[in-house]
Protein backbone atom coordinates (compact mmCIF):
# COMPACT_ATOMS: atom_id res chain seq x y z
CA MET A 1 62.03 118.25 115.17
CA ARG A 2 64.57 115.40 115.36
CA ASN A 3 65.51 112.24 113.51
CA ILE A 4 63.77 113.01 110.22
CA PRO A 5 64.04 110.04 107.81
CA VAL A 6 65.99 110.99 104.68
CA ASN A 7 66.07 109.38 101.25
CA LEU A 8 69.54 109.71 99.73
CA SER A 9 68.89 107.39 96.78
CA GLY A 10 69.43 110.35 94.41
CA TYR A 11 73.02 110.67 95.62
CA LYS A 12 76.24 108.72 95.12
CA LEU A 13 77.91 108.35 98.52
CA MET A 14 81.66 107.70 98.55
CA VAL A 15 83.66 107.10 101.72
CA SER A 16 86.13 109.97 102.12
CA GLU A 17 87.29 108.94 105.62
CA ALA A 18 86.89 105.34 106.76
CA PRO A 19 84.56 104.64 109.71
CA ALA A 20 86.14 105.15 113.12
CA MET A 21 85.05 105.23 116.75
CA LYS A 22 83.31 108.49 117.54
CA MET A 23 85.16 110.39 120.25
CA ARG A 24 84.14 113.28 122.51
CA ARG A 25 85.85 115.43 125.11
CA ASP A 26 85.20 114.33 128.68
CA GLY A 27 83.58 117.15 130.66
CA ASP A 28 85.72 116.66 133.78
CA ASP A 29 89.29 116.64 132.46
CA GLY A 30 88.99 117.29 128.70
CA ASP A 31 90.41 113.89 127.70
CA TRP A 32 89.06 112.20 124.56
CA VAL A 33 86.71 109.32 125.38
CA PRO A 34 84.56 107.06 123.17
CA ALA A 35 81.10 108.52 122.47
CA THR A 36 78.13 106.34 123.42
CA ASN A 37 74.37 106.69 123.12
CA PHE A 38 72.06 106.86 126.15
CA GLU A 39 72.13 103.06 126.48
CA GLY A 40 75.96 103.04 126.55
CA VAL A 41 76.37 101.63 123.00
CA GLN A 42 79.55 102.77 121.21
CA GLN A 43 79.00 105.16 118.28
CA PHE A 44 81.04 105.39 115.07
CA VAL A 45 81.51 108.15 112.50
CA VAL A 46 82.18 108.06 108.76
CA SER A 47 82.84 110.92 106.33
CA LEU A 48 81.09 110.63 102.99
CA PHE A 49 81.27 112.66 99.81
CA ALA A 50 77.66 113.07 98.61
CA LYS A 51 77.17 113.94 94.95
CA ARG A 52 73.86 114.08 93.14
CA ARG A 53 73.38 111.32 90.59
CA PRO A 54 73.17 112.48 86.95
CA ARG A 55 69.74 113.83 86.11
CA PRO A 56 67.71 112.00 83.45
CA ASP A 57 67.19 115.27 81.58
CA GLY A 58 70.94 115.91 81.44
CA GLY A 59 70.65 119.00 83.66
CA PRO A 60 73.41 120.22 85.99
CA VAL A 61 74.45 117.89 88.79
CA GLY A 62 76.42 120.14 91.16
CA LYS A 63 79.77 119.71 92.87
CA GLY A 64 78.78 117.63 95.89
CA GLU A 65 79.46 118.00 99.59
CA GLU A 66 81.20 116.11 102.38
CA ILE A 67 78.98 115.00 105.25
CA LYS A 68 79.82 113.26 108.52
CA VAL A 69 77.42 110.52 109.56
CA THR A 70 77.16 109.03 113.03
CA LEU A 71 76.64 105.27 112.87
CA THR A 72 74.77 103.55 115.70
CA ALA A 73 76.69 100.29 115.20
CA ASP A 74 80.13 99.17 114.10
CA PRO A 75 79.93 98.98 110.28
CA GLY A 76 82.60 96.28 110.10
CA ASP A 77 85.40 96.01 107.55
CA GLY A 78 85.39 96.80 103.85
CA PHE A 79 84.48 100.49 103.92
CA ASP A 80 87.81 102.02 102.98
CA GLU A 81 88.29 105.43 101.37
CA GLY A 82 86.84 105.47 97.85
CA THR A 83 84.18 102.80 98.54
CA TYR A 84 80.66 103.64 97.32
CA VAL A 85 78.06 102.95 100.01
CA GLU A 86 74.42 103.31 100.97
CA LEU A 87 73.18 104.31 104.41
CA ILE A 88 70.84 102.05 106.36
CA ASP A 89 67.89 103.88 107.99
CA ALA A 90 69.39 107.35 107.48
CA THR A 91 68.01 110.30 109.44
CA ALA A 92 68.82 113.99 109.66
CA SER A 93 68.39 116.33 112.62
CA PRO A 94 68.56 120.11 112.53
CA TRP A 95 70.46 121.73 115.41
CA ALA A 96 71.30 125.20 116.70
CA MET A 97 73.46 126.51 119.55
CA LYS A 98 73.87 129.99 120.98
CA ASP A 99 77.27 131.07 122.32
CA ASN A 100 77.99 133.45 125.21
CA GLN A 101 77.89 136.46 122.85
CA GLY A 102 74.43 135.53 121.54
CA ASN A 103 75.67 134.30 118.14
CA VAL A 104 73.74 131.32 116.79
CA THR A 105 75.42 128.48 114.94
CA SER A 106 73.19 125.93 113.22
CA GLY A 107 73.43 122.94 110.96
CA MET A 108 72.23 119.47 110.13
CA SER A 109 73.52 116.23 111.66
CA PHE A 110 73.18 112.86 109.97
CA ARG A 111 72.77 109.42 111.58
CA ALA A 112 72.35 105.91 110.22
CA ALA A 113 72.02 102.39 111.59
CA GLY A 114 74.90 101.26 109.38
CA LEU A 115 76.46 101.05 105.92
CA LYS A 116 76.17 98.65 103.04
CA PRO A 117 78.09 98.53 99.76
CA ALA A 118 76.25 100.50 97.06
CA GLY A 119 73.92 98.42 94.94
CA GLN A 120 73.78 95.45 97.33
CA GLY A 121 70.79 94.34 99.37
CA GLY A 122 72.63 92.75 102.31
CA LEU A 123 73.22 94.62 105.54
CA SER A 124 76.74 95.45 106.65
CA SER A 125 76.06 96.70 110.15
CA ALA A 126 76.25 95.10 113.54
CA ALA A 127 72.96 94.14 115.12
């Protein structure tokens, strides 16, 4: 199961590391190279602190968690650390990998088409 749409409207998302080009290690020589999708389009990554919005009943909110989100387009300027944002077309994908010793590591990866300032309707992603 991949690319499951997610609704994060119940969370406040604050930029904890500004968007940057996503980099990966090149398989041949181990150098860092820009990450691209299958069509060759450059990918970006942003770190967000996700904290549940206050509950209407006044119940506990929790401490929050930092998530890294891969962006499929350059989000542009204006998304500095501390900026509250919303994700455009957010998805999550579960993953798992087995190492040479048979140990399994698993997690959840997040993707989005872009970012927009929280509470605004306009898009802030490249088309």
